[in-house]
Amino acid sequence: YKCVNFVRSVEVQIFNRWGERVFEGGDDIYINWDGKDQNGDLLPGGMYYYLAVLQTIRLDREDEKVELKGYVNLMGGSDIGN
């Protein structure tokens, strides 16, 4: 997001290519996801999709929630060396 000074919180969900949620978090506004699932296991390399809902600080309360969707390509992961 352009200016994190106006981000109050972020709820992020990460999904694998089959649509299964592999990670969910909301403690870090920078979304420093380390490629691990909810159990702390390193996920295999590949394409993962995210849905992030940002709670922002704005003057107009209707604009406070911003939804971002996209994908990230996880390089390596648990398939390194296989």
N, C-alpha and C. Protein backbone atom coordinates (compact mmCIF):
# COMPACT_ATOMS: atom_id res chain seq x y z
N TYR A 1 0.85 -1.17 0.00
CA TYR A 1 0.00 0.00 0.00
C TYR A 1 0.89 1.22 0.00
N LYS A 2 0.45 2.33 -0.57
CA LYS A 2 1.31 3.50 -0.79
C LYS A 2 1.86 4.10 0.49
N CYS A 3 1.04 4.26 1.52
CA CYS A 3 1.50 4.90 2.75
C CYS A 3 1.00 4.10 3.94
N VAL A 4 1.88 3.33 4.57
CA VAL A 4 1.46 2.48 5.67
C VAL A 4 1.11 3.28 6.93
N ASN A 5 1.44 4.55 6.96
CA ASN A 5 1.08 5.38 8.11
C ASN A 5 -0.43 5.46 8.30
N PHE A 6 -1.19 5.22 7.23
CA PHE A 6 -2.64 5.30 7.30
C PHE A 6 -3.30 3.93 7.31
N VAL A 7 -2.52 2.88 7.52
CA VAL A 7 -3.06 1.52 7.61
C VAL A 7 -3.18 1.16 9.08
N ARG A 8 -4.39 0.89 9.51
CA ARG A 8 -4.65 0.54 10.91
C ARG A 8 -4.38 -0.95 11.14
N SER A 9 -4.86 -1.78 10.23
CA SER A 9 -4.67 -3.23 10.36
C SER A 9 -4.82 -3.88 8.99
N VAL A 10 -4.32 -5.11 8.89
CA VAL A 10 -4.43 -5.90 7.66
C VAL A 10 -4.81 -7.33 8.03
N GLU A 11 -5.84 -7.83 7.38
CA GLU A 11 -6.20 -9.24 7.50
C GLU A 11 -5.87 -9.88 6.16
N VAL A 12 -4.99 -10.86 6.17
CA VAL A 12 -4.56 -11.49 4.92
C VAL A 12 -4.87 -12.98 4.95
N GLN A 13 -5.27 -13.49 3.79
CA GLN A 13 -5.48 -14.91 3.60
C GLN A 13 -4.69 -15.33 2.37
N ILE A 14 -3.99 -16.45 2.47
CA ILE A 14 -3.21 -16.99 1.36
C ILE A 14 -3.84 -18.33 0.97
N PHE A 15 -4.04 -18.53 -0.34
CA PHE A 15 -4.67 -19.74 -0.87
C PHE A 15 -3.73 -20.42 -1.85
N ASN A 16 -3.80 -21.76 -1.89
CA ASN A 16 -3.03 -22.48 -2.91
C ASN A 16 -3.83 -22.52 -4.21
N ARG A 17 -3.29 -23.19 -5.22
CA ARG A 17 -3.94 -23.19 -6.54
C ARG A 17 -5.27 -23.93 -6.57
N TRP A 18 -5.56 -24.71 -5.53
CA TRP A 18 -6.84 -25.43 -5.45
C TRP A 18 -7.86 -24.66 -4.62
N GLY A 19 -7.50 -23.46 -4.19
CA GLY A 19 -8.42 -22.64 -3.42
C GLY A 19 -8.47 -22.94 -1.94
N GLU A 20 -7.55 -23.78 -1.47
CA GLU A 20 -7.50 -24.10 -0.05
C GLU A 20 -6.72 -23.01 0.69
N ARG A 21 -7.27 -22.52 1.77
CA ARG A 21 -6.57 -21.50 2.55
C ARG A 21 -5.42 -22.17 3.29
N VAL A 22 -4.20 -21.69 3.05
CA VAL A 22 -3.02 -22.28 3.68
C VAL A 22 -2.45 -21.37 4.77
N PHE A 23 -2.85 -20.11 4.78
CA PHE A 23 -2.33 -19.17 5.78
C PHE A 23 -3.35 -18.07 6.01
N GLU A 24 -3.44 -17.63 7.25
CA GLU A 24 -4.29 -16.50 7.59
C GLU A 24 -3.59 -15.72 8.69
N GLY A 25 -3.53 -14.42 8.54
CA GLY A 25 -2.86 -13.61 9.55
C GLY A 25 -3.41 -12.20 9.59
N GLY A 26 -3.12 -11.54 10.68
CA GLY A 26 -3.58 -10.17 10.83
C GLY A 26 -2.74 -9.38 11.81
N ASP A 27 -1.56 -9.91 12.14
CA ASP A 27 -0.72 -9.27 13.13
C ASP A 27 0.28 -8.28 12.55
N ASP A 28 0.47 -8.29 11.23
CA ASP A 28 1.55 -7.53 10.62
C ASP A 28 1.03 -6.71 9.44
N ILE A 29 1.06 -5.39 9.55
CA ILE A 29 0.55 -4.56 8.44
C ILE A 29 1.45 -4.63 7.21
N TYR A 30 2.67 -5.15 7.36
CA TYR A 30 3.58 -5.28 6.22
C TYR A 30 3.44 -6.62 5.52
N ILE A 31 2.62 -7.50 6.03
CA ILE A 31 2.36 -8.84 5.47
C ILE A 31 3.68 -9.55 5.18
N ASN A 32 4.49 -9.72 6.18
CA ASN A 32 5.77 -10.42 6.03
C ASN A 32 5.55 -11.93 6.10
N TRP A 33 4.84 -12.45 5.13
CA TRP A 33 4.57 -13.89 5.07
C TRP A 33 5.86 -14.60 4.70
N ASP A 34 6.22 -15.64 5.42
CA ASP A 34 7.49 -16.34 5.22
C ASP A 34 7.36 -17.62 4.39
N GLY A 35 6.22 -17.83 3.73
CA GLY A 35 6.05 -19.01 2.89
C GLY A 35 5.68 -20.26 3.66
N LYS A 36 5.25 -20.08 4.91
CA LYS A 36 4.87 -21.23 5.73
C LYS A 36 3.35 -21.25 5.92
N ASP A 37 2.83 -22.45 6.17
CA ASP A 37 1.39 -22.57 6.42
C ASP A 37 1.09 -22.26 7.88
N GLN A 38 -0.16 -22.42 8.29
CA GLN A 38 -0.57 -22.12 9.65
C GLN A 38 0.14 -22.97 10.69
N ASN A 39 0.63 -24.16 10.30
CA ASN A 39 1.33 -25.05 11.22
C ASN A 39 2.82 -24.76 11.30
N GLY A 40 3.29 -23.80 10.50
CA GLY A 40 4.72 -23.47 10.49
C GLY A 40 5.53 -24.29 9.52
N ASP A 41 4.85 -25.10 8.69
CA ASP A 41 5.55 -25.92 7.70
C ASP A 41 5.77 -25.12 6.42
N LEU A 42 6.98 -25.22 5.85
CA LEU A 42 7.30 -24.53 4.62
C LEU A 42 6.49 -25.11 3.46
N LEU A 43 5.83 -24.25 2.72
CA LEU A 43 5.00 -24.68 1.59
C LEU A 43 5.85 -24.91 0.36
N PRO A 44 5.42 -25.79 -0.55
CA PRO A 44 6.16 -26.00 -1.79
C PRO A 44 6.11 -24.76 -2.68
N GLY A 45 7.13 -24.62 -3.50
CA GLY A 45 7.16 -23.51 -4.44
C GLY A 45 5.97 -23.58 -5.39
N GLY A 46 5.54 -22.43 -5.88
CA GLY A 46 4.43 -22.37 -6.80
C GLY A 46 3.65 -21.09 -6.65
N MET A 47 2.52 -21.02 -7.33
CA MET A 47 1.67 -19.84 -7.33
C MET A 47 0.69 -19.89 -6.17
N TYR A 48 0.63 -18.80 -5.41
CA TYR A 48 -0.31 -18.66 -4.31
C TYR A 48 -1.07 -17.35 -4.50
N TYR A 49 -2.29 -17.36 -4.07
CA TYR A 49 -3.16 -16.20 -4.24
C TYR A 49 -3.47 -15.59 -2.88
N TYR A 50 -3.62 -14.28 -2.85
CA TYR A 50 -3.90 -13.63 -1.58
C TYR A 50 -5.13 -12.74 -1.66
N LEU A 51 -5.74 -12.59 -0.52
CA LEU A 51 -6.83 -11.64 -0.31
C LEU A 51 -6.46 -10.88 0.95
N ALA A 52 -6.32 -9.58 0.84
CA ALA A 52 -5.96 -8.76 1.99
C ALA A 52 -7.01 -7.66 2.15
N VAL A 53 -7.48 -7.51 3.36
CA VAL A 53 -8.43 -6.44 3.68
C VAL A 53 -7.70 -5.46 4.61
N LEU A 54 -7.48 -4.25 4.12
CA LEU A 54 -6.80 -3.22 4.88
C LEU A 54 -7.82 -2.34 5.57
N GLN A 55 -7.62 -2.11 6.83
CA GLN A 55 -8.43 -1.15 7.58
C GLN A 55 -7.58 0.12 7.63
N THR A 56 -8.05 1.16 6.95
CA THR A 56 -7.27 2.39 6.86
C THR A 56 -7.87 3.49 7.72
N ILE A 57 -7.09 4.52 7.92
CA ILE A 57 -7.53 5.68 8.67
C ILE A 57 -7.81 6.78 7.66
N ARG A 58 -9.08 7.13 7.52
CA ARG A 58 -9.49 8.16 6.55
C ARG A 58 -10.56 9.05 7.16
N LEU A 59 -10.80 10.17 6.52
CA LEU A 59 -11.84 11.07 6.98
C LEU A 59 -13.23 10.53 6.71
N ASP A 60 -13.42 9.89 5.55
CA ASP A 60 -14.71 9.33 5.17
C ASP A 60 -14.77 7.87 5.63
N ARG A 61 -15.60 7.55 6.61
CA ARG A 61 -15.65 6.22 7.19
C ARG A 61 -16.02 5.14 6.18
N GLU A 62 -16.72 5.50 5.11
CA GLU A 62 -17.09 4.51 4.09
C GLU A 62 -15.88 4.00 3.32
N ASP A 63 -14.80 4.77 3.31
CA ASP A 63 -13.60 4.39 2.56
C ASP A 63 -12.57 3.68 3.42
N GLU A 64 -12.90 3.31 4.64
CA GLU A 64 -11.90 2.78 5.55
C GLU A 64 -11.39 1.39 5.18
N LYS A 65 -12.20 0.56 4.54
CA LYS A 65 -11.75 -0.79 4.18
C LYS A 65 -11.36 -0.84 2.71
N VAL A 66 -10.18 -1.39 2.47
CA VAL A 66 -9.67 -1.55 1.11
C VAL A 66 -9.35 -3.03 0.91
N GLU A 67 -9.89 -3.62 -0.15
CA GLU A 67 -9.65 -5.04 -0.44
C GLU A 67 -8.65 -5.16 -1.58
N LEU A 68 -7.60 -5.94 -1.35
CA LEU A 68 -6.58 -6.19 -2.37
C LEU A 68 -6.54 -7.68 -2.67
N LYS A 69 -6.44 -8.01 -3.96
CA LYS A 69 -6.34 -9.41 -4.39
C LYS A 69 -5.18 -9.50 -5.37
N GLY A 70 -4.53 -10.64 -5.37
CA GLY A 70 -3.43 -10.83 -6.31
C GLY A 70 -2.80 -12.19 -6.11
N TYR A 71 -1.60 -12.33 -6.62
CA TYR A 71 -0.89 -13.59 -6.50
C TYR A 71 0.58 -13.33 -6.24
N VAL A 72 1.21 -14.36 -5.72
CA VAL A 72 2.64 -14.32 -5.46
C VAL A 72 3.21 -15.67 -5.87
N ASN A 73 4.38 -15.66 -6.47
CA ASN A 73 5.05 -16.89 -6.86
C ASN A 73 6.09 -17.21 -5.81
N LEU A 74 5.85 -18.26 -5.05
CA LEU A 74 6.77 -18.69 -4.00
C LEU A 74 7.87 -19.51 -4.65
N MET A 75 9.08 -18.99 -4.58
CA MET A 75 10.23 -19.67 -5.19
C MET A 75 10.82 -20.64 -4.16
N GLY A 76 11.11 -21.85 -4.62
CA GLY A 76 11.72 -22.83 -3.71
C GLY A 76 10.70 -23.46 -2.83
N GLY A 77 10.69 -23.06 -1.57
CA GLY A 77 9.79 -23.66 -0.62
C GLY A 77 10.27 -25.04 -0.21
N SER A 78 9.37 -25.93 0.17
CA SER A 78 9.75 -27.24 0.68
C SER A 78 10.20 -28.20 -0.41
N ASP A 79 10.12 -27.78 -1.69
CA ASP A 79 10.56 -28.68 -2.76
C ASP A 79 12.01 -28.39 -3.18
N ILE A 80 12.74 -27.58 -2.43
CA ILE A 80 14.14 -27.30 -2.76
C ILE A 80 14.93 -28.59 -2.61
N GLY A 81 15.71 -28.89 -3.62
CA GLY A 81 16.56 -30.08 -3.57
C GLY A 81 15.88 -31.34 -4.04
N ASN A 82 14.62 -31.29 -4.40
CA ASN A 82 13.91 -32.48 -4.90
C ASN A 82 13.95 -32.53 -6.40
